[in-house]
Protein backbone atom coordinates (compact mmCIF):
# COMPACT_ATOMS: atom_id res chain seq x y z
CA MET A 1 -0.06 -0.07 0.05
CA GLU A 2 2.81 2.28 0.88
CA ASP A 3 4.62 1.54 -2.37
CA GLU A 4 1.60 2.37 -4.36
CA ARG A 5 1.23 5.72 -2.73
CA ARG A 6 4.95 6.56 -3.51
CA VAL A 7 4.34 5.65 -7.07
CA GLY A 8 1.20 7.96 -7.18
CA GLN A 9 3.13 10.90 -5.95
CA HIS A 10 4.18 13.66 -8.37
CA SER A 11 7.76 14.92 -8.72
CA GLN A 12 8.43 18.17 -6.90
CA VAL A 13 10.94 19.01 -9.70
CA THR A 14 8.85 21.21 -12.00
CA LEU A 15 9.59 22.25 -15.68
CA LYS A 16 10.09 25.74 -14.49
CA THR A 17 12.91 24.75 -11.95
CA VAL A 18 14.59 22.75 -14.71
CA PHE A 19 14.61 25.76 -17.12
CA THR A 20 15.75 27.94 -14.38
CA VAL A 21 18.69 25.80 -13.45
CA CYS A 22 19.61 25.36 -17.24
CA PHE A 23 19.34 29.18 -17.73
CA ALA A 24 21.58 30.00 -14.59
CA VAL A 25 24.24 27.36 -16.07
CA LEU A 26 24.19 28.98 -19.45
CA ALA A 27 24.54 32.45 -17.96
CA VAL A 28 27.50 31.43 -16.04
CA LEU A 29 29.12 29.88 -19.09
CA ALA A 30 28.28 33.00 -21.21
CA LEU A 31 29.87 35.13 -18.32
CA VAL A 32 33.08 33.05 -18.32
CA VAL A 33 33.40 33.33 -22.11
CA LEU A 34 32.61 36.94 -22.07
CA VAL A 35 35.52 37.50 -19.41
CA VAL A 36 37.90 35.29 -21.39
CA ARG A 37 37.18 37.07 -24.68
CA THR A 38 37.27 40.54 -23.22
CA ARG A 39 40.25 40.36 -20.91
CA VAL A 40 41.92 43.35 -22.37
CA ALA A 41 38.88 45.53 -22.20
CA LEU A 42 38.09 44.50 -18.76
CA THR A 43 41.67 45.15 -17.69
CA LEU A 44 41.59 48.67 -19.17
CA THR A 45 38.28 49.35 -17.55
CA GLY A 46 39.32 48.06 -14.20
CA LEU A 47 42.53 50.25 -14.46
CA ALA A 48 40.60 53.30 -15.49
CA ALA A 49 38.11 52.75 -12.70
CA LEU A 50 40.96 52.67 -10.01
CA LEU A 51 42.53 55.81 -11.51
CA ALA A 52 38.97 57.64 -11.45
CA LEU A 53 38.62 56.59 -7.83
CA ALA A 54 41.84 58.03 -6.87
CA LEU A 55 41.18 61.29 -8.74
CA GLU A 56 37.75 61.34 -7.30
CA HIS A 57 39.11 62.10 -3.94
CA GLY A 58 40.91 65.12 -5.14
CA VAL A 59 37.74 66.29 -6.91
CA SER A 60 35.50 65.78 -3.77
CA PHE A 61 38.15 67.87 -1.79
CA LEU A 62 37.97 70.79 -4.44
CA GLU A 63 34.17 70.49 -4.35
CA HIS A 64 34.11 71.00 -0.59
CA LYS A 65 36.17 74.19 -1.18
CA LYS A 66 33.04 75.46 -3.26
CA VAL A 67 34.93 74.57 -6.66
CA PRO A 68 32.37 73.63 -9.29
CA ARG A 69 32.67 69.92 -10.27
CA PRO A 70 33.55 70.37 -14.05
CA LEU A 71 36.34 72.80 -12.96
CA ALA A 72 37.59 70.40 -10.25
CA ILE A 73 37.71 67.62 -12.72
CA ALA A 74 39.57 69.67 -15.26
CA LEU A 75 41.98 70.87 -12.51
CA MET A 76 42.76 67.33 -11.30
CA LEU A 77 43.26 66.01 -14.77
CA THR A 78 45.48 69.15 -15.64
CA GLY A 79 47.56 68.51 -12.67
CA ALA A 80 48.05 64.74 -13.22
CA LEU A 81 49.01 65.35 -16.77
CA THR A 82 51.37 68.04 -15.82
CA ALA A 83 53.10 65.78 -13.05
CA LEU A 84 53.35 63.02 -15.53
CA ALA A 85 54.80 65.51 -18.24
CA ALA A 86 57.30 66.83 -15.74
CA LEU A 87 58.35 63.34 -14.62
CA ALA A 88 58.94 62.41 -18.40
CA LEU A 89 60.98 65.45 -19.17
CA LEU A 90 63.24 64.98 -16.04
CA VAL A 91 63.51 61.26 -15.68
CA ILE A 92 62.80 59.51 -19.10
CA PRO A 93 65.73 61.06 -21.20
CA ALA A 94 68.46 59.89 -18.64
CA ALA A 95 66.60 56.62 -17.95
CA ALA A 96 66.26 55.93 -21.81
CA ALA A 97 69.95 56.57 -22.28
CA GLN A 98 70.89 54.11 -19.61
CA VAL A 99 68.18 51.56 -20.98
CA ASP A 100 69.83 51.80 -24.39
CA ALA A 101 73.53 51.15 -22.77
CA LEU A 102 71.93 48.37 -20.92
CA MET A 103 70.47 46.76 -24.16
CA VAL A 104 73.73 47.24 -25.84
CA GLN A 105 75.67 45.45 -23.09
CA TRP A 106 73.13 42.89 -22.36
CA PRO A 107 74.28 39.84 -24.40
CA GLN A 108 77.85 40.32 -22.74
CA LEU A 109 76.31 40.58 -19.39
CA TRP A 110 74.02 37.23 -19.98
CA GLN A 111 77.26 35.61 -21.24
CA GLU A 112 79.19 36.52 -18.13
CA VAL A 113 76.28 35.35 -15.85
CA ARG A 114 76.19 31.98 -17.78
CA GLU A 115 80.03 31.62 -17.50
CA SER A 116 80.18 32.39 -13.78
CA ARG A 117 80.83 29.62 -11.22
CA LEU A 118 77.38 30.03 -9.57
CA SER A 119 75.67 29.92 -13.00
CA ARG A 120 77.63 26.61 -13.99
CA VAL A 121 76.68 24.87 -10.74
CA PHE A 122 72.99 25.99 -11.17
CA VAL A 123 72.86 24.76 -14.77
CA GLN A 124 74.43 21.49 -13.61
CA ARG A 125 71.72 20.98 -11.23
CA LEU A 126 69.05 21.76 -13.91
CA HIS A 127 70.94 19.30 -16.29
CA ASN A 128 70.48 16.59 -13.69
CA LEU A 129 66.77 17.34 -13.77
CA GLY A 130 66.58 17.44 -17.49
CA TRP A 131 65.84 21.04 -17.97
CA THR A 132 69.05 22.25 -19.75
CA PRO A 133 67.45 21.75 -23.35
CA LYS A 134 64.77 24.27 -22.34
CA LEU A 135 67.30 26.81 -21.23
CA ASP A 136 69.20 26.48 -24.48
CA ILE A 137 66.12 26.94 -26.39
CA SER A 138 65.02 30.11 -24.49
CA THR A 139 68.46 31.66 -24.32
CA PRO A 140 68.49 32.94 -27.89
CA GLU A 141 65.12 34.75 -27.30
CA LEU A 142 67.05 36.72 -24.35
CA THR A 143 70.47 37.34 -26.01
CA GLY A 144 69.68 37.62 -29.68
CA GLY A 145 67.21 38.31 -32.45
CA THR A 146 67.14 40.15 -35.84
CA VAL A 147 67.16 44.04 -35.61
CA PRO A 148 64.22 44.22 -38.04
CA THR A 149 62.32 41.83 -35.52
CA LEU A 150 63.13 43.58 -32.44
CA VAL A 151 62.18 46.95 -34.18
CA MET A 152 58.78 45.63 -35.23
CA HIS A 153 58.15 44.16 -31.73
CA ALA A 154 59.26 47.57 -30.16
CA ILE A 155 56.98 49.54 -32.61
CA GLY A 156 54.04 47.31 -31.86
CA SER A 157 54.54 47.55 -28.21
CA VAL A 158 54.74 51.27 -28.29
CA VAL A 159 51.70 51.64 -30.57
CA GLY A 160 49.79 49.36 -28.15
CA LEU A 161 50.75 51.06 -25.08
CA PHE A 162 49.68 54.44 -26.62
CA GLY A 163 46.48 52.96 -27.61
CA GLY A 164 45.78 51.41 -24.11
CA ALA A 165 46.97 54.68 -22.43
CA LEU A 166 44.43 56.77 -24.60
CA SER A 167 41.65 54.47 -23.98
CA VAL A 168 42.28 54.61 -20.30
CA PHE A 169 42.50 58.35 -20.30
CA PHE A 170 39.09 58.88 -21.89
CA LEU A 171 37.49 56.05 -19.72
CA VAL A 172 38.74 58.01 -16.62
CA VAL A 173 37.29 61.39 -17.91
CA PHE A 174 33.95 59.85 -18.69
CA MET A 175 33.74 57.99 -15.33
CA LEU A 176 34.45 61.28 -13.53
CA VAL A 177 31.95 63.23 -15.54
CA PHE A 178 29.08 60.64 -15.89
CA GLY A 179 29.88 57.98 -13.26
CA GLY A 180 28.17 59.81 -10.25
CA GLY A 181 24.87 60.36 -12.12
CA LEU A 182 24.87 56.73 -13.37
CA LEU A 183 25.51 55.32 -9.67
CA ARG A 184 22.75 57.60 -8.41
CA ARG A 185 20.26 56.42 -11.04
CA LEU A 186 21.20 52.74 -10.15
CA LEU A 187 20.77 53.34 -6.50
CA GLU A 188 17.21 54.42 -7.17
CA LEU A 189 16.41 50.85 -8.53
CA PRO A 190 16.53 49.02 -5.19
CA ARG A 191 13.76 49.11 -2.58
CA PRO A 192 13.98 52.01 0.06
CA GLU A 193 14.87 49.75 2.97
CA HIS A 194 17.79 48.19 1.00
CA ARG A 195 19.04 51.42 -0.62
CA GLN A 196 20.97 52.66 2.44
CA ARG A 197 22.93 49.17 2.40
CA TYR A 198 24.02 49.68 -1.03
CA VAL A 199 25.10 53.20 -0.25
CA ARG A 200 27.25 51.91 2.67
CA VAL A 201 28.86 49.30 0.55
CA LEU A 202 29.99 51.70 -2.26
CA ARG A 203 30.98 54.39 0.37
CA ASN A 204 33.26 51.61 2.01
CA VAL A 205 34.63 50.46 -1.22
CA TYR A 206 35.31 53.97 -2.21
CA GLU A 207 37.07 54.87 0.86
CA ALA A 208 39.17 51.80 1.06
CA THR A 209 40.25 51.68 -2.60
CA GLY A 210 40.98 55.15 -2.65
CA GLY A 211 43.12 55.30 0.26
CA TYR A 212 44.96 52.39 -0.74
CA LEU A 213 45.81 53.78 -4.21
CA ILE A 214 47.14 56.98 -2.47
CA GLY A 215 49.15 55.27 0.14
CA LEU A 216 50.54 52.83 -2.71
CA THR A 217 51.70 55.70 -4.79
CA LEU A 218 53.51 57.22 -1.98
CA ILE A 219 55.26 53.93 -1.37
CA CYS A 220 56.16 53.43 -5.01
CA THR A 221 57.54 56.99 -5.15
CA PHE A 222 59.57 56.41 -1.94
CA ASN A 223 60.91 53.03 -3.19
CA ALA A 224 62.00 54.46 -6.41
CA LEU A 225 63.60 57.53 -5.02
CA LEU A 226 65.48 55.59 -2.24
CA THR A 227 66.66 52.82 -4.63
CA SER A 228 67.79 55.22 -7.25
CA THR A 229 69.79 57.19 -4.63
CA VAL A 230 71.34 53.92 -3.08
CA LEU A 231 72.37 52.37 -6.26
CA ALA A 232 73.85 55.73 -7.51
CA VAL A 233 75.94 56.04 -4.20
CA LEU A 234 77.02 52.62 -4.58
CA GLY A 235 78.21 53.18 -8.13
CA VAL A 236 75.61 50.68 -9.77
CA PRO A 237 75.58 51.21 -13.37
CA TYR A 238 72.06 51.90 -14.91
CA PHE A 239 70.87 52.98 -11.28
CA LEU A 240 67.80 55.12 -12.70
CA PRO A 241 65.98 52.45 -14.77
CA LEU A 242 66.69 49.88 -12.00
CA GLY A 243 65.47 52.45 -9.39
CA ILE A 244 62.30 52.96 -11.38
CA LEU A 245 61.73 49.38 -11.98
CA SER A 246 62.16 48.78 -8.10
CA GLY A 247 59.55 51.57 -7.53
CA PHE A 248 57.02 49.97 -9.79
CA SER A 249 57.63 46.54 -8.22
CA SER A 250 55.95 47.81 -5.12
CA MET A 251 52.52 47.84 -6.92
CA VAL A 252 52.61 44.20 -6.56
CA PRO A 253 52.47 43.41 -2.82
CA TYR A 254 55.14 41.16 -1.25
CA ALA A 255 56.28 39.29 -4.49
CA GLY A 256 57.12 42.39 -6.40
CA PRO A 257 60.05 43.78 -4.49
CA VAL A 258 61.42 40.25 -4.01
CA VAL A 259 61.62 39.58 -7.56
CA ALA A 260 62.81 43.17 -8.55
CA GLY A 261 65.60 42.94 -5.78
CA GLY A 262 66.76 39.67 -7.10
CA PHE A 263 66.95 40.76 -10.72
CA ILE A 264 68.88 44.00 -9.68
CA THR A 265 71.29 41.91 -7.43
CA LEU A 266 71.92 39.52 -10.31
CA LEU A 267 72.44 42.47 -12.80
CA THR A 268 74.78 44.31 -10.33
CA TRP A 269 76.76 40.94 -9.97
CA ALA A 270 77.28 40.80 -13.55
CA THR A 271 78.32 44.44 -13.96
CA GLY A 272 80.22 45.30 -10.77
CA GLY A 273 81.24 42.03 -9.12
CA MET A 274 80.33 39.98 -6.10
CA TRP A 275 80.93 42.52 -3.37
CA LEU A 276 79.07 45.13 -4.78
CA ALA A 277 76.02 42.69 -5.38
CA LEU A 278 76.33 41.78 -1.70
CA GLY A 279 75.83 45.20 -0.80
CA VAL A 280 72.87 45.74 -3.03
CA LEU A 281 71.42 42.35 -1.73
CA ALA A 282 71.82 43.75 2.00
CA TYR A 283 69.95 47.18 0.76
CA PHE A 284 67.09 45.11 -0.41
CA ALA A 285 66.76 42.93 2.60
CA LEU A 286 66.81 46.11 4.80
CA TYR A 287 64.23 47.69 2.52
CA GLY A 288 62.19 44.73 2.44
CA GLN A 289 62.00 44.84 6.19
CA LEU A 290 61.10 48.52 6.05
CA GLU A 291 58.23 48.20 3.45
CA GLY A 292 56.83 44.91 4.91
CA ASN A 293 56.88 46.00 8.51
CA VAL A 294 56.29 49.57 8.40
CA LEU A 295 54.94 51.20 5.11
CA ALA A 296 52.81 48.42 3.90
CA PRO A 297 50.85 47.95 7.24
CA LEU A 298 50.09 51.58 7.24
CA VAL A 299 48.64 51.34 3.87
CA PHE A 300 46.86 47.86 4.07
CA ARG A 301 45.55 47.98 7.69
CA ARG A 302 44.30 51.61 7.69
CA THR A 303 42.69 51.36 4.25
CA VAL A 304 41.59 48.02 2.97
CA HIS A 305 42.03 46.02 6.17
CA VAL A 306 43.03 42.79 4.28
CA ASN A 307 44.80 39.94 5.79
CA PRO A 308 48.37 39.37 4.32
CA LEU A 309 47.47 35.67 3.37
CA VAL A 310 44.46 37.05 1.35
CA VAL A 311 46.57 39.77 -0.39
CA LEU A 312 48.94 37.00 -1.48
CA LEU A 313 46.28 34.67 -2.72
CA ALA A 314 44.56 37.53 -4.45
CA VAL A 315 47.78 38.53 -6.06
CA LEU A 316 48.41 34.85 -7.32
CA PHE A 317 44.82 34.37 -8.78
CA CYS A 318 44.65 37.89 -10.23
CA ALA A 319 48.05 37.59 -11.77
CA GLU A 320 47.02 34.42 -13.34
CA LEU A 321 43.75 35.99 -14.68
CA ALA A 322 45.14 39.36 -15.97
CA GLY A 323 48.96 39.34 -15.83
CA VAL A 324 50.81 42.18 -14.28
CA VAL A 325 47.59 44.48 -14.20
CA GLY A 326 45.69 41.82 -12.38
CA ALA A 327 48.46 41.49 -9.60
CA VAL A 328 48.45 45.34 -9.30
CA VAL A 329 44.66 45.55 -8.84
CA ALA A 330 44.50 42.26 -6.72
CA VAL A 331 44.35 44.28 -3.33
CA PRO A 332 41.53 46.56 -4.22
CA VAL A 333 39.67 43.70 -5.77
CA ALA A 334 40.23 41.63 -2.54
CA ALA A 335 39.26 44.57 -0.38
CA SER A 336 35.83 45.17 -2.43
CA ALA A 337 35.07 41.35 -2.16
CA GLN A 338 35.63 41.45 1.64
CA ILE A 339 33.44 44.57 2.03
CA ILE A 340 30.54 42.94 -0.08
CA ILE A 341 30.83 39.52 1.62
CA ARG A 342 30.76 41.25 5.20
CA GLU A 343 27.78 43.22 4.23
CA VAL A 344 26.02 40.00 2.93
CA LEU A 345 26.76 38.21 6.10
CA LEU A 346 25.45 41.12 8.10
CA PHE A 347 22.15 41.24 6.26
CA ARG A 348 21.64 37.41 6.75
CA GLN A 349 22.19 37.98 10.51
CA GLU A 350 19.82 40.80 10.66
CA ARG A 351 17.21 38.67 8.89
CA LEU A 352 17.71 35.84 11.36
CA VAL A 353 17.45 38.04 14.35
CA ALA A 354 14.45 39.83 12.81
CA ARG A 355 12.64 36.57 12.08
CA PRO A 356 9.89 35.67 14.83
CA PRO A 357 10.43 32.61 16.70
CA SER A 358 8.29 29.70 15.48
CA SER A 359 5.56 28.70 17.67
CA PRO A 360 5.52 25.00 19.17
CA PRO A 361 3.52 22.58 17.61
CA VAL A 362 -0.02 21.92 18.87
CA SER A 363 -0.38 18.46 20.44
C-alpha cells in the first residue's frame, strides 16, 4: 500500500525549476566566455576605474572648497598630466639613455652570468633534472634576434601602449563626468529599505580603494627615490631605470619587491662584481623589512584591512587571470570582495534576528 502511494506521488521538480537551472548554467558559461574574450577591455576598464577613484578624492576635496565639479575635474586632470609630463622630461631622457646602454651590453652581461661559477653549478643541477634543453632553447630569445624583428616588436609595443593609455584616459574622464549620475540612477532601483545598505557598501569600497591607491603611490615613489639614490651612491650602472623598476615593483605586494630585488642584484653581480652585489642584496633585505613591517601595514591595515594571506592569494589568482595588471589591482579587488561579503553576512544575520520565533506544535 505504501509503495503504491509513493508511485502515485508527483515529482516536486517542475519544468520551471529545470529551465531556471539550465538558464543559470548557461548564464555562468556566457559570463566566463565574456571574461575570457574581453580580458584586455576588462583590464583597461578596471585600471581606469582605479584611477578615477583616486582622482575622485581630489575632485571631492575641491568640491568641498566650493569649486564647481567640472572645474575640479579639469584641475585634477591637468595636475595629473602636468606631473606626468614633468616626470617624463626630468627622468625619461636619462633613463632611456641608460636603458639603451644596458640593451647594448646585455648579450655580454648574459654571457658573463652564464660563465660564472654559480651559474655553472645551477645549470648542472638543472641538467640533472633534464631542464637544460629548455634553457638552451630560450637563451637565444634573451640574447639575440634580428634587428628588424626587434624593431617591429618595439613599434608594436609602443603603439599598443599608446592606444591603451589613450583608452584609459578617456575612460577616466567619462567616469569622472558621468559616473556619479549613473550610480545615483542605479541606487534608485532597489527598494528604499535596502538602498542605504548599497550606499554603505559603495562608500566603504570608495574609501578603502582610494586610500589604498594614494598610499601605494607614496610607497612606489619612496621606493624609486630611495633605491635610485642608494644604487647611485654604490656606483651601480644603470641605477636610474633599475630604481624606477624597483619603485614599480611595489605595486605588486610582497612578491614584486622580491623579484625586482633579485633581478637587480644579479645584474649588479654581472656588472660590478660579487661584493657590490652583496651590498645591493643587503640594501634590498633592509628595505624589504622597512616596506613589509612599516610602510605596507600603514596602507593595508588603515585602508583596505585585508589579511596578508588574502592579499597574497589575491595577487596569485589575479595575476593568473590578467597578468601584471591583475596583480596590481589584486588588493583593491580583494578589499571590495571582503566588504561585499561582510555586508551580505550582516544582512543574513539581521534577517535571522528579525525573524519571529516559530510557535511550538500543537499537540
